Amino acid sequence: CPEGASVPEDECWEAELLFESSDYFQQKKKEDMSLVVSDWRDRPCGCFLWEGSTGTNYFNNFDASTTGCVAANQGHLLCTVPMPSPYLLPRGSASECPEGA
């Protein structure tokens, strides 16, 4: 996410809950009842929802890295908009939120 638009780790779980009831995620199975925090090399940095390889489930994740961020087909990065309100990018569309978003 651009500077100032990242969802902090302590707000990530709550931000992800906003999207669970969306038409897209409501039909998928949530795999974890807590936020999974790690340092991945094949995923977006920051707060994101990760779809399982079958596309029928998802995970709530946070990657604290600031380098090695990648746009992954299964990752939905969450960033804030000026209000700040989190929003969800389409999977695999970006490794960082758009400038100014």
N, C-alpha and C. Protein backbone atom coordinates (compact mmCIF):
# COMPACT_ATOMS: atom_id res chain seq x y z
N CYS A 1 0.85 -1.18 0.00
CA CYS A 1 0.00 0.00 0.00
C CYS A 1 0.89 1.24 0.00
N PRO A 2 0.45 2.31 -0.59
CA PRO A 2 1.23 3.55 -0.53
C PRO A 2 1.38 4.02 0.91
N GLU A 3 2.35 4.86 1.14
CA GLU A 3 2.59 5.38 2.48
C GLU A 3 1.31 5.97 3.05
N GLY A 4 0.98 5.57 4.27
CA GLY A 4 -0.21 6.07 4.93
C GLY A 4 -1.50 5.34 4.59
N ALA A 5 -1.45 4.38 3.66
CA ALA A 5 -2.68 3.67 3.26
C ALA A 5 -2.70 2.22 3.71
N SER A 6 -1.67 1.77 4.41
CA SER A 6 -1.63 0.39 4.89
C SER A 6 -2.55 0.20 6.08
N VAL A 7 -3.19 -0.93 6.13
CA VAL A 7 -4.00 -1.30 7.30
C VAL A 7 -3.02 -1.89 8.31
N PRO A 8 -2.90 -1.30 9.52
CA PRO A 8 -1.95 -1.81 10.50
C PRO A 8 -2.34 -3.21 10.98
N GLU A 9 -1.36 -3.95 11.45
CA GLU A 9 -1.60 -5.32 11.91
C GLU A 9 -2.72 -5.37 12.96
N ASP A 10 -2.74 -4.45 13.90
CA ASP A 10 -3.74 -4.49 14.96
C ASP A 10 -5.15 -4.14 14.48
N GLU A 11 -5.29 -3.69 13.24
CA GLU A 11 -6.61 -3.39 12.66
C GLU A 11 -6.96 -4.34 11.51
N CYS A 12 -6.04 -5.23 11.18
CA CYS A 12 -6.20 -6.09 10.00
C CYS A 12 -7.37 -7.05 10.16
N TRP A 13 -7.48 -7.73 11.29
CA TRP A 13 -8.57 -8.70 11.49
C TRP A 13 -9.92 -8.00 11.32
N GLU A 14 -10.08 -6.86 11.96
CA GLU A 14 -11.34 -6.12 11.88
C GLU A 14 -11.61 -5.67 10.44
N ALA A 15 -10.59 -5.21 9.74
CA ALA A 15 -10.77 -4.78 8.35
C ALA A 15 -11.20 -5.95 7.47
N GLU A 16 -10.61 -7.12 7.69
CA GLU A 16 -10.97 -8.28 6.89
C GLU A 16 -12.40 -8.73 7.16
N LEU A 17 -12.88 -8.54 8.39
CA LEU A 17 -14.25 -8.91 8.72
C LEU A 17 -15.26 -8.13 7.89
N LEU A 18 -14.90 -6.92 7.46
CA LEU A 18 -15.79 -6.11 6.65
C LEU A 18 -16.11 -6.77 5.30
N PHE A 19 -15.19 -7.59 4.83
CA PHE A 19 -15.34 -8.19 3.50
C PHE A 19 -15.89 -9.62 3.54
N GLU A 20 -15.96 -10.22 4.71
CA GLU A 20 -16.45 -11.59 4.81
C GLU A 20 -17.89 -11.74 4.35
N SER A 21 -18.69 -10.71 4.52
CA SER A 21 -20.09 -10.81 4.12
C SER A 21 -20.32 -10.38 2.67
N SER A 22 -19.25 -10.04 1.96
CA SER A 22 -19.41 -9.66 0.55
C SER A 22 -19.86 -10.88 -0.25
N ASP A 23 -20.50 -10.63 -1.37
CA ASP A 23 -20.96 -11.72 -2.23
C ASP A 23 -19.82 -12.65 -2.61
N TYR A 24 -18.63 -12.10 -2.78
CA TYR A 24 -17.49 -12.89 -3.22
C TYR A 24 -17.01 -13.86 -2.14
N PHE A 25 -16.80 -13.36 -0.92
CA PHE A 25 -16.23 -14.20 0.14
C PHE A 25 -17.27 -14.98 0.92
N GLN A 26 -18.53 -14.56 0.90
CA GLN A 26 -19.56 -15.25 1.67
C GLN A 26 -19.71 -16.71 1.24
N GLN A 27 -19.45 -16.99 -0.01
CA GLN A 27 -19.59 -18.35 -0.52
C GLN A 27 -18.35 -19.21 -0.28
N LYS A 28 -17.33 -18.66 0.35
CA LYS A 28 -16.10 -19.40 0.60
C LYS A 28 -15.97 -19.73 2.09
N LYS A 29 -15.21 -20.76 2.40
CA LYS A 29 -15.00 -21.19 3.78
C LYS A 29 -13.80 -20.47 4.39
N LYS A 30 -14.03 -19.87 5.55
CA LYS A 30 -12.94 -19.21 6.29
C LYS A 30 -12.14 -20.29 7.00
N GLU A 31 -10.83 -20.31 6.82
CA GLU A 31 -9.98 -21.37 7.37
C GLU A 31 -9.41 -21.08 8.75
N ASP A 32 -9.25 -19.84 9.11
CA ASP A 32 -8.63 -19.52 10.39
C ASP A 32 -9.56 -18.64 11.21
N MET A 33 -9.52 -18.82 12.50
CA MET A 33 -10.31 -17.98 13.40
C MET A 33 -9.43 -16.90 14.02
N SER A 34 -8.24 -16.74 13.48
CA SER A 34 -7.35 -15.69 13.94
C SER A 34 -6.51 -15.22 12.76
N LEU A 35 -5.86 -14.10 12.94
CA LEU A 35 -5.00 -13.54 11.91
C LEU A 35 -3.69 -14.33 11.84
N VAL A 36 -3.30 -14.74 10.65
CA VAL A 36 -2.03 -15.44 10.46
C VAL A 36 -0.98 -14.40 10.08
N VAL A 37 0.04 -14.26 10.91
CA VAL A 37 1.10 -13.28 10.67
C VAL A 37 2.39 -14.03 10.35
N SER A 38 3.02 -13.66 9.24
CA SER A 38 4.26 -14.31 8.84
C SER A 38 5.03 -13.39 7.90
N ASP A 39 6.13 -13.91 7.36
CA ASP A 39 6.96 -13.19 6.40
C ASP A 39 7.07 -14.07 5.16
N TRP A 40 6.15 -13.86 4.21
CA TRP A 40 6.13 -14.67 3.00
C TRP A 40 6.93 -13.99 1.90
N ARG A 41 7.38 -14.77 0.93
CA ARG A 41 8.10 -14.23 -0.23
C ARG A 41 7.25 -14.23 -1.48
N ASP A 42 6.06 -14.82 -1.40
CA ASP A 42 5.22 -14.96 -2.59
C ASP A 42 3.85 -14.31 -2.40
N ARG A 43 3.76 -13.34 -1.49
CA ARG A 43 2.47 -12.72 -1.18
C ARG A 43 2.62 -11.22 -1.01
N PRO A 44 1.49 -10.51 -0.99
CA PRO A 44 1.55 -9.06 -0.77
C PRO A 44 2.04 -8.74 0.64
N CYS A 45 2.60 -7.57 0.83
CA CYS A 45 2.98 -7.11 2.15
C CYS A 45 1.77 -6.43 2.78
N GLY A 46 1.65 -6.55 4.09
CA GLY A 46 0.56 -5.90 4.80
C GLY A 46 -0.62 -6.83 5.01
N CYS A 47 -1.80 -6.24 5.09
CA CYS A 47 -3.04 -6.94 5.41
C CYS A 47 -3.69 -7.45 4.12
N PHE A 48 -3.99 -8.76 4.08
CA PHE A 48 -4.62 -9.29 2.87
C PHE A 48 -5.41 -10.56 3.17
N LEU A 49 -6.36 -10.83 2.30
CA LEU A 49 -7.10 -12.09 2.30
C LEU A 49 -6.47 -12.98 1.25
N TRP A 50 -6.24 -14.24 1.60
CA TRP A 50 -5.58 -15.19 0.70
C TRP A 50 -6.55 -16.31 0.37
N GLU A 51 -6.81 -16.51 -0.91
CA GLU A 51 -7.68 -17.60 -1.33
C GLU A 51 -6.90 -18.89 -1.40
N GLY A 52 -7.52 -19.97 -0.92
CA GLY A 52 -6.89 -21.28 -1.04
C GLY A 52 -6.78 -21.69 -2.50
N SER A 53 -5.95 -22.68 -2.77
CA SER A 53 -5.67 -23.08 -4.15
C SER A 53 -6.91 -23.61 -4.88
N THR A 54 -7.90 -24.10 -4.14
CA THR A 54 -9.11 -24.60 -4.80
C THR A 54 -10.11 -23.49 -5.08
N GLY A 55 -9.90 -22.31 -4.45
CA GLY A 55 -10.81 -21.19 -4.64
C GLY A 55 -12.08 -21.29 -3.81
N THR A 56 -12.16 -22.28 -2.92
CA THR A 56 -13.36 -22.46 -2.10
C THR A 56 -13.16 -22.02 -0.66
N ASN A 57 -11.96 -21.60 -0.32
CA ASN A 57 -11.68 -21.18 1.05
C ASN A 57 -10.75 -19.97 1.03
N TYR A 58 -10.57 -19.34 2.22
CA TYR A 58 -9.67 -18.19 2.31
C TYR A 58 -9.09 -18.08 3.73
N PHE A 59 -8.03 -17.31 3.83
CA PHE A 59 -7.30 -17.13 5.08
C PHE A 59 -7.12 -15.64 5.33
N ASN A 60 -7.14 -15.24 6.59
CA ASN A 60 -6.86 -13.85 6.98
C ASN A 60 -5.38 -13.77 7.30
N ASN A 61 -4.64 -12.91 6.57
CA ASN A 61 -3.19 -12.86 6.71
C ASN A 61 -2.65 -11.45 6.86
N PHE A 62 -1.47 -11.38 7.45
CA PHE A 62 -0.73 -10.13 7.54
C PHE A 62 0.74 -10.45 7.36
N ASP A 63 1.38 -9.77 6.40
CA ASP A 63 2.82 -9.91 6.17
C ASP A 63 3.48 -8.60 6.57
N ALA A 64 4.30 -8.65 7.62
CA ALA A 64 4.92 -7.45 8.17
C ALA A 64 6.10 -6.94 7.34
N SER A 65 6.47 -7.65 6.29
CA SER A 65 7.59 -7.22 5.45
C SER A 65 7.30 -5.90 4.76
N THR A 66 8.36 -5.20 4.42
CA THR A 66 8.22 -4.00 3.60
C THR A 66 8.96 -4.17 2.28
N THR A 67 9.59 -5.33 2.10
CA THR A 67 10.29 -5.63 0.85
C THR A 67 9.85 -7.01 0.37
N GLY A 68 10.06 -7.29 -0.89
CA GLY A 68 9.69 -8.58 -1.45
C GLY A 68 8.20 -8.76 -1.66
N CYS A 69 7.46 -7.67 -1.72
CA CYS A 69 6.01 -7.74 -1.92
C CYS A 69 5.71 -8.15 -3.36
N VAL A 70 4.76 -9.05 -3.53
CA VAL A 70 4.39 -9.46 -4.88
C VAL A 70 2.88 -9.46 -5.03
N ALA A 71 2.43 -9.16 -6.23
CA ALA A 71 1.01 -9.29 -6.57
C ALA A 71 0.78 -10.76 -6.86
N ALA A 72 0.00 -11.40 -6.04
CA ALA A 72 -0.25 -12.83 -6.21
C ALA A 72 -1.70 -13.05 -6.62
N ASN A 73 -1.91 -13.99 -7.50
CA ASN A 73 -3.24 -14.27 -8.03
C ASN A 73 -4.25 -14.61 -6.93
N GLN A 74 -3.80 -15.17 -5.81
CA GLN A 74 -4.70 -15.59 -4.75
C GLN A 74 -4.81 -14.55 -3.62
N GLY A 75 -4.06 -13.44 -3.72
CA GLY A 75 -4.04 -12.45 -2.65
C GLY A 75 -4.91 -11.24 -2.92
N HIS A 76 -5.67 -10.83 -1.92
CA HIS A 76 -6.51 -9.63 -1.98
C HIS A 76 -5.97 -8.65 -0.93
N LEU A 77 -5.16 -7.70 -1.35
CA LEU A 77 -4.54 -6.72 -0.46
C LEU A 77 -5.57 -5.72 0.04
N LEU A 78 -5.54 -5.41 1.33
CA LEU A 78 -6.44 -4.41 1.90
C LEU A 78 -5.66 -3.15 2.21
N CYS A 79 -6.17 -2.03 1.74
CA CYS A 79 -5.57 -0.72 1.99
C CYS A 79 -6.68 0.22 2.45
N THR A 80 -6.31 1.36 2.95
CA THR A 80 -7.31 2.34 3.34
C THR A 80 -7.42 3.42 2.26
N VAL A 81 -8.56 4.06 2.25
CA VAL A 81 -8.77 5.22 1.40
C VAL A 81 -8.77 6.43 2.31
N PRO A 82 -8.74 7.64 1.80
CA PRO A 82 -8.55 8.81 2.63
C PRO A 82 -9.39 8.93 3.90
N MET A 83 -10.54 8.24 4.00
CA MET A 83 -11.42 8.46 5.15
C MET A 83 -10.87 8.06 6.51
N PRO A 84 -10.11 7.15 6.89
CA PRO A 84 -9.63 5.94 6.19
C PRO A 84 -10.63 4.79 6.32
N SER A 85 -10.95 4.21 5.19
CA SER A 85 -11.80 3.03 5.15
C SER A 85 -11.07 1.97 4.34
N PRO A 86 -11.01 0.74 4.82
CA PRO A 86 -10.35 -0.32 4.05
C PRO A 86 -11.15 -0.66 2.79
N TYR A 87 -10.46 -1.04 1.77
CA TYR A 87 -11.13 -1.56 0.58
C TYR A 87 -10.31 -2.71 0.04
N LEU A 88 -10.92 -3.55 -0.75
CA LEU A 88 -10.33 -4.78 -1.23
C LEU A 88 -10.01 -4.68 -2.71
N LEU A 89 -8.78 -5.00 -3.09
CA LEU A 89 -8.40 -5.03 -4.50
C LEU A 89 -8.68 -6.42 -5.06
N PRO A 90 -8.98 -6.53 -6.34
CA PRO A 90 -9.19 -7.85 -6.94
C PRO A 90 -7.94 -8.71 -6.79
N ARG A 91 -8.14 -9.99 -6.64
CA ARG A 91 -7.01 -10.90 -6.43
C ARG A 91 -6.01 -10.83 -7.58
N GLY A 92 -4.75 -10.85 -7.21
CA GLY A 92 -3.68 -10.84 -8.19
C GLY A 92 -3.50 -9.55 -8.94
N SER A 93 -4.19 -8.48 -8.54
CA SER A 93 -4.14 -7.25 -9.32
C SER A 93 -2.97 -6.36 -8.97
N ALA A 94 -2.44 -6.48 -7.75
CA ALA A 94 -1.36 -5.58 -7.34
C ALA A 94 -0.61 -6.12 -6.15
N SER A 95 0.64 -5.73 -6.02
CA SER A 95 1.42 -6.07 -4.83
C SER A 95 1.36 -4.93 -3.83
N GLU A 96 0.92 -3.77 -4.28
CA GLU A 96 0.75 -2.59 -3.42
C GLU A 96 -0.52 -1.87 -3.86
N CYS A 97 -1.12 -1.11 -2.96
CA CYS A 97 -2.31 -0.34 -3.32
C CYS A 97 -1.90 0.78 -4.27
N PRO A 98 -2.81 1.23 -5.12
CA PRO A 98 -2.51 2.31 -6.06
C PRO A 98 -2.10 3.60 -5.33
N GLU A 99 -1.27 4.37 -5.96
CA GLU A 99 -0.82 5.66 -5.39
C GLU A 99 -2.04 6.50 -5.09
N GLY A 100 -2.06 7.05 -3.87
CA GLY A 100 -3.15 7.92 -3.47
C GLY A 100 -4.39 7.18 -2.99
N ALA A 101 -4.33 5.84 -3.01
CA ALA A 101 -5.51 5.07 -2.56
C ALA A 101 -5.40 4.72 -1.10
